[in-house]
All heavy atoms as atom14 arrays in JSON, in Angstrom:
{
  "sequence": "LLTEVPARLVALPAQGGQLVHQFREPRNFGLQP",
  "atom14_mask": [
    [1, 1, 1, 1, 1, 1, 1, 1, 0, 0, 0, 0, 0, 0],
    [1, 1, 1, 1, 1, 1, 1, 1, 0, 0, 0, 0, 0, 0],
    [1, 1, 1, 1, 1, 1, 1, 0, 0, 0, 0, 0, 0, 0],
    [1, 1, 1, 1, 1, 1, 1, 1, 1, 0, 0, 0, 0, 0],
    [1, 1, 1, 1, 1, 1, 1, 0, 0, 0, 0, 0, 0, 0],
    [1, 1, 1, 1, 1, 1, 1, 0, 0, 0, 0, 0, 0, 0],
    [1, 1, 1, 1, 1, 0, 0, 0, 0, 0, 0, 0, 0, 0],
    [1, 1, 1, 1, 1, 1, 1, 1, 1, 1, 1, 0, 0, 0],
    [1, 1, 1, 1, 1, 1, 1, 1, 0, 0, 0, 0, 0, 0],
    [1, 1, 1, 1, 1, 1, 1, 0, 0, 0, 0, 0, 0, 0],
    [1, 1, 1, 1, 1, 0, 0, 0, 0, 0, 0, 0, 0, 0],
    [1, 1, 1, 1, 1, 1, 1, 1, 0, 0, 0, 0, 0, 0],
    [1, 1, 1, 1, 1, 1, 1, 0, 0, 0, 0, 0, 0, 0],
    [1, 1, 1, 1, 1, 0, 0, 0, 0, 0, 0, 0, 0, 0],
    [1, 1, 1, 1, 1, 1, 1, 1, 1, 0, 0, 0, 0, 0],
    [1, 1, 1, 1, 0, 0, 0, 0, 0, 0, 0, 0, 0, 0],
    [1, 1, 1, 1, 0, 0, 0, 0, 0, 0, 0, 0, 0, 0],
    [1, 1, 1, 1, 1, 1, 1, 1, 1, 0, 0, 0, 0, 0],
    [1, 1, 1, 1, 1, 1, 1, 1, 0, 0, 0, 0, 0, 0],
    [1, 1, 1, 1, 1, 1, 1, 0, 0, 0, 0, 0, 0, 0],
    [1, 1, 1, 1, 1, 1, 1, 1, 1, 1, 0, 0, 0, 0],
    [1, 1, 1, 1, 1, 1, 1, 1, 1, 0, 0, 0, 0, 0],
    [1, 1, 1, 1, 1, 1, 1, 1, 1, 1, 1, 0, 0, 0],
    [1, 1, 1, 1, 1, 1, 1, 1, 1, 1, 1, 0, 0, 0],
    [1, 1, 1, 1, 1, 1, 1, 1, 1, 0, 0, 0, 0, 0],
    [1, 1, 1, 1, 1, 1, 1, 0, 0, 0, 0, 0, 0, 0],
    [1, 1, 1, 1, 1, 1, 1, 1, 1, 1, 1, 0, 0, 0],
    [1, 1, 1, 1, 1, 1, 1, 1, 0, 0, 0, 0, 0, 0],
    [1, 1, 1, 1, 1, 1, 1, 1, 1, 1, 1, 0, 0, 0],
    [1, 1, 1, 1, 0, 0, 0, 0, 0, 0, 0, 0, 0, 0],
    [1, 1, 1, 1, 1, 1, 1, 1, 0, 0, 0, 0, 0, 0],
    [1, 1, 1, 1, 1, 1, 1, 1, 1, 0, 0, 0, 0, 0],
    [1, 1, 1, 1, 1, 1, 1, 0, 0, 0, 0, 0, 0, 0]
  ],
  "atom14_positions": [
    [[3.05, 7.66, -10.5], [4.17, 6.98, -9.95], [3.91, 6.46, -8.54], [4.29, 5.33, -8.16], [5.36, 7.91, -9.96], [6.67, 7.45, -9.27], [7.25, 6.28, -10.01], [7.69, 8.52, -9.16], [0.0, 0.0, 0.0], [0.0, 0.0, 0.0], [0.0, 0.0, 0.0], [0.0, 0.0, 0.0], [0.0, 0.0, 0.0], [0.0, 0.0, 0.0]],
    [[3.29, 7.24, -7.75], [3.01, 6.88, -6.35], [2.08, 5.69, -6.29], [2.27, 4.93, -5.39], [2.38, 8.05, -5.61], [3.29, 9.23, -5.25], [2.5, 10.29, -4.52], [4.48, 8.75, -4.37], [0.0, 0.0, 0.0], [0.0, 0.0, 0.0], [0.0, 0.0, 0.0], [0.0, 0.0, 0.0], [0.0, 0.0, 0.0], [0.0, 0.0, 0.0]],
    [[1.25, 5.54, -7.24], [0.36, 4.35, -7.24], [1.03, 3.09, -7.81], [0.57, 1.96, -7.61], [-0.91, 4.64, -7.95], [-0.61, 4.89, -9.38], [-1.66, 5.81, -7.35], [0.0, 0.0, 0.0], [0.0, 0.0, 0.0], [0.0, 0.0, 0.0], [0.0, 0.0, 0.0], [0.0, 0.0, 0.0], [0.0, 0.0, 0.0], [0.0, 0.0, 0.0]],
    [[2.09, 3.33, -8.58], [2.76, 2.25, -9.23], [4.0, 1.66, -8.46], [4.46, 0.63, -8.75], [3.22, 2.63, -10.66], [2.06, 2.91, -11.6], [1.24, 1.7, -11.87], [1.82, 0.63, -11.83], [0.09, 1.82, -12.17], [0.0, 0.0, 0.0], [0.0, 0.0, 0.0], [0.0, 0.0, 0.0], [0.0, 0.0, 0.0], [0.0, 0.0, 0.0]],
    [[4.53, 2.49, -7.58], [5.7, 2.02, -6.8], [5.28, 0.86, -5.97], [4.41, 0.94, -5.1], [6.24, 3.11, -5.91], [7.34, 2.6, -5.0], [6.75, 4.25, -6.74], [0.0, 0.0, 0.0], [0.0, 0.0, 0.0], [0.0, 0.0, 0.0], [0.0, 0.0, 0.0], [0.0, 0.0, 0.0], [0.0, 0.0, 0.0], [0.0, 0.0, 0.0]],
    [[5.95, -0.3, -6.11], [5.63, -1.46, -5.3], [5.87, -1.22, -3.85], [6.84, -0.57, -3.47], [6.55, -2.55, -5.92], [6.96, -2.12, -7.2], [7.02, -0.54, -7.12], [0.0, 0.0, 0.0], [0.0, 0.0, 0.0], [0.0, 0.0, 0.0], [0.0, 0.0, 0.0], [0.0, 0.0, 0.0], [0.0, 0.0, 0.0], [0.0, 0.0, 0.0]],
    [[5.08, -1.85, -3.0], [5.28, -1.75, -1.59], [6.55, -2.39, -1.17], [7.1, -2.11, -0.07], [4.06, -2.36, -0.86], [0.0, 0.0, 0.0], [0.0, 0.0, 0.0], [0.0, 0.0, 0.0], [0.0, 0.0, 0.0], [0.0, 0.0, 0.0], [0.0, 0.0, 0.0], [0.0, 0.0, 0.0], [0.0, 0.0, 0.0], [0.0, 0.0, 0.0]],
    [[7.04, -3.29, -1.93], [8.31, -3.97, -1.55], [9.56, -3.19, -1.9], [10.63, -3.69, -1.84], [8.35, -5.36, -2.18], [8.36, -5.35, -3.71], [8.41, -6.76, -4.26], [8.44, -6.84, -5.67], [7.41, -6.74, -6.44], [6.19, -6.71, -5.91], [7.56, -6.83, -7.76], [0.0, 0.0, 0.0], [0.0, 0.0, 0.0], [0.0, 0.0, 0.0]],
    [[9.41, -1.93, -2.3], [10.54, -1.13, -2.68], [11.58, -1.07, -1.59], [12.81, -1.21, -1.82], [10.1, 0.3, -2.98], [11.18, 1.35, -3.23], [11.91, 1.04, -4.52], [10.61, 2.76, -3.26], [0.0, 0.0, 0.0], [0.0, 0.0, 0.0], [0.0, 0.0, 0.0], [0.0, 0.0, 0.0], [0.0, 0.0, 0.0], [0.0, 0.0, 0.0]],
    [[11.16, -0.95, -0.32], [12.1, -0.82, 0.8], [12.8, -2.05, 1.04], [14.0, -2.08, 1.33], [11.33, -0.31, 2.05], [12.24, -0.45, 3.29], [10.86, 1.04, 1.86], [0.0, 0.0, 0.0], [0.0, 0.0, 0.0], [0.0, 0.0, 0.0], [0.0, 0.0, 0.0], [0.0, 0.0, 0.0], [0.0, 0.0, 0.0], [0.0, 0.0, 0.0]],
    [[12.16, -3.21, 0.9], [12.71, -4.45, 1.36], [13.29, -5.4, 0.35], [13.83, -6.42, 0.76], [11.62, -5.23, 2.15], [0.0, 0.0, 0.0], [0.0, 0.0, 0.0], [0.0, 0.0, 0.0], [0.0, 0.0, 0.0], [0.0, 0.0, 0.0], [0.0, 0.0, 0.0], [0.0, 0.0, 0.0], [0.0, 0.0, 0.0], [0.0, 0.0, 0.0]],
    [[13.21, -5.11, -0.92], [13.82, -5.97, -1.91], [14.96, -5.28, -2.59], [14.79, -4.62, -3.62], [12.74, -6.36, -2.95], [11.69, -7.39, -2.5], [10.84, -7.79, -3.69], [12.38, -8.61, -1.93], [0.0, 0.0, 0.0], [0.0, 0.0, 0.0], [0.0, 0.0, 0.0], [0.0, 0.0, 0.0], [0.0, 0.0, 0.0], [0.0, 0.0, 0.0]],
    [[16.17, -5.46, -2.09], [17.3, -4.71, -2.58], [17.69, -5.07, -4.04], [18.32, -4.38, -4.71], [18.4, -5.11, -1.59], [17.98, -6.35, -0.98], [16.51, -6.29, -0.89], [0.0, 0.0, 0.0], [0.0, 0.0, 0.0], [0.0, 0.0, 0.0], [0.0, 0.0, 0.0], [0.0, 0.0, 0.0], [0.0, 0.0, 0.0], [0.0, 0.0, 0.0]],
    [[17.25, -6.27, -4.46], [17.74, -6.72, -5.8], [16.96, -6.11, -6.94], [17.43, -6.19, -8.09], [17.65, -8.26, -5.9], [0.0, 0.0, 0.0], [0.0, 0.0, 0.0], [0.0, 0.0, 0.0], [0.0, 0.0, 0.0], [0.0, 0.0, 0.0], [0.0, 0.0, 0.0], [0.0, 0.0, 0.0], [0.0, 0.0, 0.0], [0.0, 0.0, 0.0]],
    [[15.84, -5.37, -6.66], [14.99, -4.93, -7.77], [14.95, -3.41, -7.89], [14.29, -2.9, -8.81], [13.55, -5.45, -7.54], [13.41, -7.0, -7.58], [12.02, -7.43, -7.55], [11.11, -6.61, -7.51], [11.85, -8.73, -7.46], [0.0, 0.0, 0.0], [0.0, 0.0, 0.0], [0.0, 0.0, 0.0], [0.0, 0.0, 0.0], [0.0, 0.0, 0.0]],
    [[15.62, -2.73, -7.01], [15.48, -1.23, -6.99], [15.94, -0.67, -8.34], [15.33, 0.21, -8.94], [0.0, 0.0, 0.0], [0.0, 0.0, 0.0], [0.0, 0.0, 0.0], [0.0, 0.0, 0.0], [0.0, 0.0, 0.0], [0.0, 0.0, 0.0], [0.0, 0.0, 0.0], [0.0, 0.0, 0.0], [0.0, 0.0, 0.0], [0.0, 0.0, 0.0]],
    [[17.15, -1.08, -8.78], [17.66, -0.52, -10.03], [16.79, -0.85, -11.18], [16.57, 0.01, -12.09], [0.0, 0.0, 0.0], [0.0, 0.0, 0.0], [0.0, 0.0, 0.0], [0.0, 0.0, 0.0], [0.0, 0.0, 0.0], [0.0, 0.0, 0.0], [0.0, 0.0, 0.0], [0.0, 0.0, 0.0], [0.0, 0.0, 0.0], [0.0, 0.0, 0.0]],
    [[16.19, -2.03, -11.21], [15.3, -2.42, -12.32], [14.09, -1.56, -12.25], [13.55, -1.15, -13.33], [14.96, -3.89, -12.14], [16.1, -4.83, -12.23], [15.69, -6.28, -11.97], [14.56, -6.6, -11.83], [16.7, -7.13, -11.92], [0.0, 0.0, 0.0], [0.0, 0.0, 0.0], [0.0, 0.0, 0.0], [0.0, 0.0, 0.0], [0.0, 0.0, 0.0]],
    [[13.59, -1.26, -11.06], [12.39, -0.38, -10.99], [12.63, 1.01, -11.55], [11.8, 1.58, -12.33], [11.91, -0.28, -9.54], [11.35, -1.52, -8.89], [11.07, -1.32, -7.44], [10.07, -1.94, -9.6], [0.0, 0.0, 0.0], [0.0, 0.0, 0.0], [0.0, 0.0, 0.0], [0.0, 0.0, 0.0], [0.0, 0.0, 0.0], [0.0, 0.0, 0.0]],
    [[13.79, 1.59, -11.19], [14.16, 2.91, -11.7], [14.23, 2.92, -13.25], [13.68, 3.8, -13.95], [15.44, 3.47, -11.07], [15.87, 4.72, -11.77], [15.27, 3.64, -9.58], [0.0, 0.0, 0.0], [0.0, 0.0, 0.0], [0.0, 0.0, 0.0], [0.0, 0.0, 0.0], [0.0, 0.0, 0.0], [0.0, 0.0, 0.0], [0.0, 0.0, 0.0]],
    [[14.83, 1.86, -13.8], [15.05, 1.78, -15.18], [13.67, 1.57, -15.92], [13.31, 2.17, -16.88], [15.91, 0.59, -15.56], [16.01, 0.4, -17.04], [16.72, 1.19, -17.9], [15.5, -0.6, -17.86], [16.65, 0.78, -19.13], [15.93, -0.3, -19.17], [0.0, 0.0, 0.0], [0.0, 0.0, 0.0], [0.0, 0.0, 0.0], [0.0, 0.0, 0.0]],
    [[12.84, 0.72, -15.25], [11.5, 0.48, -15.83], [10.58, 1.69, -15.82], [9.92, 1.99, -16.82], [10.82, -0.68, -15.02], [9.39, -0.97, -15.43], [8.76, -1.92, -14.5], [9.29, -2.41, -13.58], [7.52, -2.26, -14.83], [0.0, 0.0, 0.0], [0.0, 0.0, 0.0], [0.0, 0.0, 0.0], [0.0, 0.0, 0.0], [0.0, 0.0, 0.0]],
    [[10.63, 2.46, -14.73], [9.77, 3.63, -14.67], [10.15, 4.77, -15.44], [9.51, 5.76, -15.52], [9.56, 4.01, -13.16], [8.74, 3.01, -12.36], [9.05, 2.77, -11.04], [7.62, 2.38, -12.97], [8.28, 1.85, -10.34], [6.9, 1.5, -12.23], [7.25, 1.24, -10.95], [0.0, 0.0, 0.0], [0.0, 0.0, 0.0], [0.0, 0.0, 0.0]],
    [[11.33, 4.72, -16.07], [11.75, 5.78, -17.0], [10.98, 5.76, -18.27], [10.99, 6.78, -18.98], [13.33, 5.65, -17.24], [14.14, 6.03, -16.07], [15.63, 6.05, -16.42], [16.48, 6.3, -15.26], [16.63, 7.46, -14.73], [16.12, 8.56, -15.27], [17.45, 7.63, -13.66], [0.0, 0.0, 0.0], [0.0, 0.0, 0.0], [0.0, 0.0, 0.0]],
    [[10.33, 4.64, -18.53], [9.55, 4.59, -19.78], [8.12, 5.05, -19.5], [7.43, 4.56, -18.59], [9.47, 3.14, -20.27], [10.79, 2.58, -20.74], [11.4, 3.33, -21.9], [10.54, 3.85, -22.71], [12.56, 3.45, -22.04], [0.0, 0.0, 0.0], [0.0, 0.0, 0.0], [0.0, 0.0, 0.0], [0.0, 0.0, 0.0], [0.0, 0.0, 0.0]],
    [[7.62, 6.03, -20.13], [6.29, 6.58, -19.85], [5.18, 5.57, -19.92], [4.25, 5.62, -19.23], [6.11, 7.66, -20.96], [7.53, 8.03, -21.36], [8.32, 6.8, -21.2], [0.0, 0.0, 0.0], [0.0, 0.0, 0.0], [0.0, 0.0, 0.0], [0.0, 0.0, 0.0], [0.0, 0.0, 0.0], [0.0, 0.0, 0.0], [0.0, 0.0, 0.0]],
    [[5.3, 4.57, -20.79], [4.3, 3.62, -20.98], [4.11, 2.84, -19.72], [3.03, 2.26, -19.42], [4.55, 2.65, -22.21], [4.49, 3.33, -23.52], [4.71, 2.36, -24.63], [4.64, 2.97, -25.95], [5.67, 3.5, -26.56], [6.83, 3.55, -25.95], [5.55, 4.02, -27.8], [0.0, 0.0, 0.0], [0.0, 0.0, 0.0], [0.0, 0.0, 0.0]],
    [[5.16, 2.67, -18.92], [5.05, 1.95, -17.67], [4.23, 2.67, -16.61], [3.95, 2.09, -15.58], [6.48, 1.61, -17.18], [7.2, 0.58, -18.04], [6.53, -0.3, -18.61], [8.43, 0.77, -18.24], [0.0, 0.0, 0.0], [0.0, 0.0, 0.0], [0.0, 0.0, 0.0], [0.0, 0.0, 0.0], [0.0, 0.0, 0.0], [0.0, 0.0, 0.0]],
    [[3.95, 3.94, -16.87], [3.07, 4.69, -15.97], [1.68, 4.64, -16.4], [0.75, 5.2, -15.82], [3.5, 6.1, -15.82], [4.8, 6.28, -15.13], [5.93, 6.51, -15.79], [4.86, 6.26, -13.74], [7.14, 6.71, -15.23], [6.06, 6.41, -13.1], [7.28, 6.62, -13.8], [0.0, 0.0, 0.0], [0.0, 0.0, 0.0], [0.0, 0.0, 0.0]],
    [[1.37, 3.95, -17.53], [0.06, 3.99, -18.07], [-0.25, 5.27, -18.84], [-1.33, 5.66, -19.13], [0.0, 0.0, 0.0], [0.0, 0.0, 0.0], [0.0, 0.0, 0.0], [0.0, 0.0, 0.0], [0.0, 0.0, 0.0], [0.0, 0.0, 0.0], [0.0, 0.0, 0.0], [0.0, 0.0, 0.0], [0.0, 0.0, 0.0], [0.0, 0.0, 0.0]],
    [[0.9, 5.99, -19.24], [0.85, 7.24, -19.95], [1.21, 7.01, -21.42], [2.07, 6.17, -21.7], [1.7, 8.31, -19.37], [1.43, 8.63, -17.9], [2.42, 9.61, -17.42], [-0.01, 9.22, -17.73], [0.0, 0.0, 0.0], [0.0, 0.0, 0.0], [0.0, 0.0, 0.0], [0.0, 0.0, 0.0], [0.0, 0.0, 0.0], [0.0, 0.0, 0.0]],
    [[0.71, 7.74, -22.33], [1.08, 7.67, -23.74], [2.17, 8.73, -23.96], [2.17, 9.72, -23.3], [-0.07, 7.86, -24.65], [-1.16, 6.84, -24.51], [-0.67, 5.46, -24.91], [0.1, 5.3, -25.77], [-1.11, 4.46, -24.16], [0.0, 0.0, 0.0], [0.0, 0.0, 0.0], [0.0, 0.0, 0.0], [0.0, 0.0, 0.0], [0.0, 0.0, 0.0]],
    [[3.06, 8.53, -24.86], [4.12, 9.5, -25.11], [3.58, 10.87, -25.38], [4.17, 11.9, -25.02], [4.85, 8.9, -26.41], [4.64, 7.42, -26.29], [3.28, 7.28, -25.74], [0.0, 0.0, 0.0], [0.0, 0.0, 0.0], [0.0, 0.0, 0.0], [0.0, 0.0, 0.0], [0.0, 0.0, 0.0], [0.0, 0.0, 0.0], [0.0, 0.0, 0.0]]
  ]
}
């Protein structure tokens, strides 16, 4: 997760909720179920 969190997390308010939703899927971490 630490390597996948975009550096723009702090400064792009429009995408934070999308990031949280996206990272709830294990495949988005490069992990298999």
